[in-house]
Amino acid sequence: MPNMERRKQKEQIVAQIEEKLKAAKVIIFADYRGMTVAELTELRQQLRMEGVKTEVLKNTMLFFAMKNTGFAPNDYEDTLFGPNLVIFSNEDMVAPAKIMYEASKKNEHLSIKMGIVEGNIVAAEKIKDLAELPPKEVLVAQVLGTMQAPISSFVRVLNANITGFVRALDQVREKKEAC
């Protein structure tokens, strides 16, 4: 009987991990071996301030959950060996990537192994690319700027035509006054 209870507990843990995998927009897997408790606590606090959850999961439980959610084992088993710090973000995709990337630059013991971005497994380099994106406000400003550019150009063209017409009339007026 104790084995059945233990198995049910493990199945519940796997089900919880599956829910987190399905709900997250971005998941980052990192190796934290060699970090001090203080460094790991500071990293977790930074992530928590951004609404990001961090967990250390047993690989067997994680692998069962990933397999049950549709990920092929050969996509991740070779990469996720050893202990894993797993970062789940249900809201922001860029903030956890930025925090993890900056922390890995400062701490030689922290390294990003891979990630899952909107349901797709990506290499550590893609997490770095995600971290290097400008803030959301800057991206919105850039999009608005490109949307306004054609309108501004159109207004300048119309204004140039009107200005040219006014100049031509002014020259005609000057010639008539001279005569």
C-alpha atoms as a PDB file:
ATOM      1  CA  MET A   1       0.000   0.000   0.000  1.00  0.00           C
ATOM      2  CA  PRO A   2       2.737   2.529   0.720  1.00  0.00           C
ATOM      3  CA  ASN A   3       4.006   2.115  -2.868  1.00  0.00           C
ATOM      4  CA  MET A   4       0.537   2.929  -4.249  1.00  0.00           C
ATOM      5  CA  GLU A   5       0.351   6.080  -2.133  1.00  0.00           C
ATOM      6  CA  ARG A   6       3.828   7.136  -3.215  1.00  0.00           C
ATOM      7  CA  ARG A   7       2.907   6.491  -6.845  1.00  0.00           C
ATOM      8  CA  LYS A   8      -0.252   8.627  -6.514  1.00  0.00           C
ATOM      9  CA  GLN A   9       1.812  11.437  -4.992  1.00  0.00           C
ATOM     10  CA  LYS A  10       4.257  11.255  -7.871  1.00  0.00           C
ATOM     11  CA  GLU A  11       1.416  11.243 -10.398  1.00  0.00           C
ATOM     12  CA  GLN A  12      -0.003  14.363  -8.744  1.00  0.00           C
ATOM     13  CA  ILE A  13       3.394  16.068  -8.929  1.00  0.00           C
ATOM     14  CA  VAL A  14       3.696  15.149 -12.622  1.00  0.00           C
ATOM     15  CA  ALA A  15       0.168  16.514 -13.242  1.00  0.00           C
ATOM     16  CA  GLN A  16       1.093  19.784 -11.514  1.00  0.00           C
ATOM     17  CA  ILE A  17       4.226  20.115 -13.622  1.00  0.00           C
ATOM     18  CA  GLU A  18       2.164  19.413 -16.767  1.00  0.00           C
ATOM     19  CA  GLU A  19      -0.206  22.264 -15.853  1.00  0.00           C
ATOM     20  CA  LYS A  20       2.717  24.626 -15.359  1.00  0.00           C
ATOM     21  CA  LEU A  21       4.220  23.577 -18.699  1.00  0.00           C
ATOM     22  CA  LYS A  22       0.916  24.222 -20.479  1.00  0.00           C
ATOM     23  CA  ALA A  23       0.244  27.569 -18.784  1.00  0.00           C
ATOM     24  CA  ALA A  24       3.684  29.135 -19.190  1.00  0.00           C
ATOM     25  CA  LYS A  25       4.566  31.427 -22.083  1.00  0.00           C
ATOM     26  CA  VAL A  26       8.255  30.898 -21.443  1.00  0.00           C
ATOM     27  CA  ILE A  27      10.158  28.266 -19.473  1.00  0.00           C
ATOM     28  CA  ILE A  28      13.888  28.473 -18.925  1.00  0.00           C
ATOM     29  CA  PHE A  29      16.029  25.584 -17.739  1.00  0.00           C
ATOM     30  CA  ALA A  30      19.318  26.470 -16.057  1.00  0.00           C
ATOM     31  CA  ASP A  31      22.204  24.735 -14.361  1.00  0.00           C
ATOM     32  CA  TYR A  32      22.856  26.316 -10.977  1.00  0.00           C
ATOM     33  CA  ARG A  33      25.510  23.957  -9.604  1.00  0.00           C
ATOM     34  CA  GLY A  34      28.177  25.880  -7.734  1.00  0.00           C
ATOM     35  CA  MET A  35      25.973  28.850  -6.819  1.00  0.00           C
ATOM     36  CA  THR A  36      25.801  29.783  -3.172  1.00  0.00           C
ATOM     37  CA  VAL A  37      22.495  29.783  -1.352  1.00  0.00           C
ATOM     38  CA  ALA A  38      22.666  33.577  -1.106  1.00  0.00           C
ATOM     39  CA  GLU A  39      23.205  33.943  -4.867  1.00  0.00           C
ATOM     40  CA  LEU A  40      20.360  31.562  -5.670  1.00  0.00           C
ATOM     41  CA  THR A  41      18.057  33.332  -3.199  1.00  0.00           C
ATOM     42  CA  GLU A  42      18.865  36.712  -4.757  1.00  0.00           C
ATOM     43  CA  LEU A  43      18.153  35.346  -8.245  1.00  0.00           C
ATOM     44  CA  ARG A  44      14.835  33.881  -7.103  1.00  0.00           C
ATOM     45  CA  GLN A  45      13.863  37.210  -5.514  1.00  0.00           C
ATOM     46  CA  GLN A  46      14.601  39.077  -8.741  1.00  0.00           C
ATOM     47  CA  LEU A  47      12.473  36.619 -10.691  1.00  0.00           C
ATOM     48  CA  ARG A  48       9.681  36.694  -8.102  1.00  0.00           C
ATOM     49  CA  MET A  49       9.484  40.513  -8.385  1.00  0.00           C
ATOM     50  CA  GLU A  50       8.652  40.008 -12.076  1.00  0.00           C
ATOM     51  CA  GLY A  51       5.919  37.461 -11.237  1.00  0.00           C
ATOM     52  CA  VAL A  52       8.047  34.503 -12.295  1.00  0.00           C
ATOM     53  CA  LYS A  53       8.080  31.170 -10.464  1.00  0.00           C
ATOM     54  CA  THR A  54      11.231  29.135  -9.941  1.00  0.00           C
ATOM     55  CA  GLU A  55      11.494  25.492  -8.945  1.00  0.00           C
ATOM     56  CA  VAL A  56      14.051  22.747  -8.727  1.00  0.00           C
ATOM     57  CA  LEU A  57      12.394  19.638 -10.161  1.00  0.00           C
ATOM     58  CA  LYS A  58      13.405  16.002 -10.262  1.00  0.00           C
ATOM     59  CA  ASN A  59      14.335  15.100 -13.807  1.00  0.00           C
ATOM     60  CA  THR A  60      12.228  11.933 -13.842  1.00  0.00           C
ATOM     61  CA  MET A  61       9.106  13.895 -12.886  1.00  0.00           C
ATOM     62  CA  LEU A  62       9.965  16.672 -15.336  1.00  0.00           C
ATOM     63  CA  PHE A  63      10.591  14.206 -18.174  1.00  0.00           C
ATOM     64  CA  PHE A  64       7.275  12.410 -17.568  1.00  0.00           C
ATOM     65  CA  ALA A  65       5.434  15.746 -17.574  1.00  0.00           C
ATOM     66  CA  MET A  66       7.186  16.936 -20.728  1.00  0.00           C
ATOM     67  CA  LYS A  67       6.482  13.654 -22.499  1.00  0.00           C
ATOM     68  CA  ASN A  68       2.809  13.840 -21.448  1.00  0.00           C
ATOM     69  CA  THR A  69       2.520  17.378 -22.835  1.00  0.00           C
ATOM     70  CA  GLY A  70       3.809  16.347 -26.244  1.00  0.00           C
ATOM     71  CA  PHE A  71       7.538  17.029 -26.206  1.00  0.00           C
ATOM     72  CA  ALA A  72       9.736  14.384 -27.821  1.00  0.00           C
ATOM     73  CA  PRO A  73      12.286  13.027 -25.324  1.00  0.00           C
ATOM     74  CA  ASN A  74      15.185  13.270 -27.771  1.00  0.00           C
ATOM     75  CA  ASP A  75      14.614  17.063 -27.898  1.00  0.00           C
ATOM     76  CA  TYR A  76      15.491  17.599 -24.237  1.00  0.00           C
ATOM     77  CA  GLU A  77      16.886  14.545 -22.427  1.00  0.00           C
ATOM     78  CA  ASP A  78      20.496  15.125 -23.514  1.00  0.00           C
ATOM     79  CA  THR A  79      20.365  18.789 -22.513  1.00  0.00           C
ATOM     80  CA  LEU A  80      18.550  18.507 -19.183  1.00  0.00           C
ATOM     81  CA  PHE A  81      20.924  16.173 -17.380  1.00  0.00           C
ATOM     82  CA  GLY A  82      21.886  17.032 -13.795  1.00  0.00           C
ATOM     83  CA  PRO A  83      20.014  19.407 -11.505  1.00  0.00           C
ATOM     84  CA  ASN A  84      17.778  21.974 -13.166  1.00  0.00           C
ATOM     85  CA  LEU A  85      16.464  25.303 -11.990  1.00  0.00           C
ATOM     86  CA  VAL A  86      13.203  25.688 -13.892  1.00  0.00           C
ATOM     87  CA  ILE A  87      11.754  29.167 -14.429  1.00  0.00           C
ATOM     88  CA  PHE A  88       8.070  29.461 -15.376  1.00  0.00           C
ATOM     89  CA  SER A  89       6.578  32.736 -16.626  1.00  0.00           C
ATOM     90  CA  ASN A  90       2.904  32.904 -17.529  1.00  0.00           C
ATOM     91  CA  GLU A  91       2.878  36.617 -18.384  1.00  0.00           C
ATOM     92  CA  ASP A  92       6.091  38.233 -19.550  1.00  0.00           C
ATOM     93  CA  MET A  93       8.400  36.434 -21.951  1.00  0.00           C
ATOM     94  CA  VAL A  94      11.276  38.888 -21.980  1.00  0.00           C
ATOM     95  CA  ALA A  95      11.806  39.785 -18.295  1.00  0.00           C
ATOM     96  CA  PRO A  96      12.773  36.298 -17.075  1.00  0.00           C
ATOM     97  CA  ALA A  97      15.070  35.839 -20.069  1.00  0.00           C
ATOM     98  CA  LYS A  98      16.771  39.187 -19.345  1.00  0.00           C
ATOM     99  CA  ILE A  99      17.185  38.380 -15.643  1.00  0.00           C
ATOM    100  CA  MET A 100      18.581  34.927 -16.331  1.00  0.00           C
ATOM    101  CA  TYR A 101      20.904  36.145 -19.081  1.00  0.00           C
ATOM    102  CA  GLU A 102      22.273  38.999 -16.949  1.00  0.00           C
ATOM    103  CA  ALA A 103      22.671  36.678 -13.946  1.00  0.00           C
ATOM    104  CA  SER A 104      24.520  34.104 -16.063  1.00  0.00           C
ATOM    105  CA  LYS A 105      26.915  36.822 -17.267  1.00  0.00           C
ATOM    106  CA  LYS A 106      27.653  37.826 -13.664  1.00  0.00           C
ATOM    107  CA  ASN A 107      27.847  34.319 -12.185  1.00  0.00           C
ATOM    108  CA  GLU A 108      30.015  31.707 -13.878  1.00  0.00           C
ATOM    109  CA  HIS A 109      28.171  28.907 -12.058  1.00  0.00           C
ATOM    110  CA  LEU A 110      24.802  29.748 -13.639  1.00  0.00           C
ATOM    111  CA  SER A 111      24.213  28.675 -17.216  1.00  0.00           C
ATOM    112  CA  ILE A 112      21.073  28.534 -19.330  1.00  0.00           C
ATOM    113  CA  LYS A 113      20.589  25.065 -20.804  1.00  0.00           C
ATOM    114  CA  MET A 114      17.519  25.578 -23.001  1.00  0.00           C
ATOM    115  CA  GLY A 115      14.013  26.944 -22.954  1.00  0.00           C
ATOM    116  CA  ILE A 116      10.460  26.518 -24.101  1.00  0.00           C
ATOM    117  CA  VAL A 117       8.939  29.590 -25.742  1.00  0.00           C
ATOM    118  CA  GLU A 118       5.203  29.425 -26.437  1.00  0.00           C
ATOM    119  CA  GLY A 119       5.289  25.636 -26.626  1.00  0.00           C
ATOM    120  CA  ASN A 120       8.446  25.288 -28.728  1.00  0.00           C
ATOM    121  CA  ILE A 121      11.746  23.979 -27.415  1.00  0.00           C
ATOM    122  CA  VAL A 122      14.555  26.452 -28.126  1.00  0.00           C
ATOM    123  CA  ALA A 123      18.295  26.437 -27.560  1.00  0.00           C
ATOM    124  CA  ALA A 124      20.029  28.643 -25.005  1.00  0.00           C
ATOM    125  CA  GLU A 125      21.043  31.057 -27.796  1.00  0.00           C
ATOM    126  CA  LYS A 126      17.377  31.829 -28.495  1.00  0.00           C
ATOM    127  CA  ILE A 127      16.871  32.699 -24.826  1.00  0.00           C
ATOM    128  CA  LYS A 128      19.815  35.098 -25.186  1.00  0.00           C
ATOM    129  CA  ASP A 129      18.167  36.611 -28.281  1.00  0.00           C
ATOM    130  CA  LEU A 130      14.933  37.002 -26.333  1.00  0.00           C
ATOM    131  CA  ALA A 131      16.857  38.694 -23.509  1.00  0.00           C
ATOM    132  CA  GLU A 132      18.372  41.209 -25.915  1.00  0.00           C
ATOM    133  CA  LEU A 133      15.008  42.442 -27.153  1.00  0.00           C
ATOM    134  CA  PRO A 134      14.308  46.064 -26.254  1.00  0.00           C
ATOM    135  CA  PRO A 135      11.653  46.745 -23.596  1.00  0.00           C
ATOM    136  CA  LYS A 136       8.004  46.516 -24.613  1.00  0.00           C
ATOM    137  CA  GLU A 137       7.555  50.309 -24.527  1.00  0.00           C
ATOM    138  CA  VAL A 138      10.430  50.787 -26.982  1.00  0.00           C
ATOM    139  CA  LEU A 139       9.025  48.143 -29.337  1.00  0.00           C
ATOM    140  CA  VAL A 140       5.590  49.801 -29.230  1.00  0.00           C
ATOM    141  CA  ALA A 141       7.189  53.183 -29.971  1.00  0.00           C
ATOM    142  CA  GLN A 142       9.087  51.701 -32.919  1.00  0.00           C
ATOM    143  CA  VAL A 143       5.913  50.158 -34.345  1.00  0.00           C
ATOM    144  CA  LEU A 144       4.009  53.415 -33.945  1.00  0.00           C
ATOM    145  CA  GLY A 145       6.877  55.289 -35.588  1.00  0.00           C
ATOM    146  CA  THR A 146       6.807  53.006 -38.615  1.00  0.00           C
ATOM    147  CA  MET A 147       3.041  53.313 -38.808  1.00  0.00           C
ATOM    148  CA  GLN A 148       3.267  57.117 -38.746  1.00  0.00           C
ATOM    149  CA  ALA A 149       6.037  57.328 -41.341  1.00  0.00           C
ATOM    150  CA  PRO A 150       3.788  56.814 -44.403  1.00  0.00           C
ATOM    151  CA  ILE A 151       1.270  59.325 -43.078  1.00  0.00           C
ATOM    152  CA  SER A 152       4.005  61.900 -42.413  1.00  0.00           C
ATOM    153  CA  SER A 153       5.426  61.379 -45.900  1.00  0.00           C
ATOM    154  CA  PHE A 154       1.987  61.803 -47.445  1.00  0.00           C
ATOM    155  CA  VAL A 155       1.435  65.053 -45.533  1.00  0.00           C
ATOM    156  CA  ARG A 156       4.858  66.359 -46.658  1.00  0.00           C
ATOM    157  CA  VAL A 157       4.051  65.545 -50.306  1.00  0.00           C
ATOM    158  CA  LEU A 158       0.709  67.350 -50.075  1.00  0.00           C
ATOM    159  CA  ASN A 159       2.355  70.264 -48.313  1.00  0.00           C
ATOM    160  CA  ALA A 160       5.098  70.437 -50.980  1.00  0.00           C
ATOM    161  CA  ASN A 161       2.483  70.604 -53.756  1.00  0.00           C
ATOM    162  CA  ILE A 162       0.604  73.393 -52.015  1.00  0.00           C
ATOM    163  CA  THR A 163       3.830  75.252 -51.223  1.00  0.00           C
ATOM    164  CA  GLY A 164       4.921  74.974 -54.860  1.00  0.00           C
ATOM    165  CA  PHE A 165       1.552  76.285 -56.046  1.00  0.00           C
ATOM    166  CA  VAL A 166       1.735  79.253 -53.631  1.00  0.00           C
ATOM    167  CA  ARG A 167       5.275  80.075 -54.776  1.00  0.00           C
ATOM    168  CA  ALA A 168       4.177  79.986 -58.423  1.00  0.00           C
ATOM    169  CA  LEU A 169       1.284  82.348 -57.658  1.00  0.00           C
ATOM    170  CA  ASP A 170       3.642  84.646 -55.764  1.00  0.00           C
ATOM    171  CA  GLN A 171       6.014  84.766 -58.748  1.00  0.00           C
ATOM    172  CA  VAL A 172       3.094  85.561 -61.061  1.00  0.00           C
ATOM    173  CA  ARG A 173       2.027  88.370 -58.694  1.00  0.00           C
ATOM    174  CA  GLU A 174       5.591  89.771 -58.613  1.00  0.00           C
ATOM    175  CA  LYS A 175       5.780  89.776 -62.443  1.00  0.00           C
ATOM    176  CA  LYS A 176       2.460  91.593 -62.728  1.00  0.00           C
ATOM    177  CA  GLU A 177       3.552  94.183 -60.185  1.00  0.00           C
ATOM    178  CA  ALA A 178       6.800  94.724 -62.106  1.00  0.00           C
ATOM    179  CA  CYS A 179       4.978  95.407 -65.361  1.00  0.00           C
END
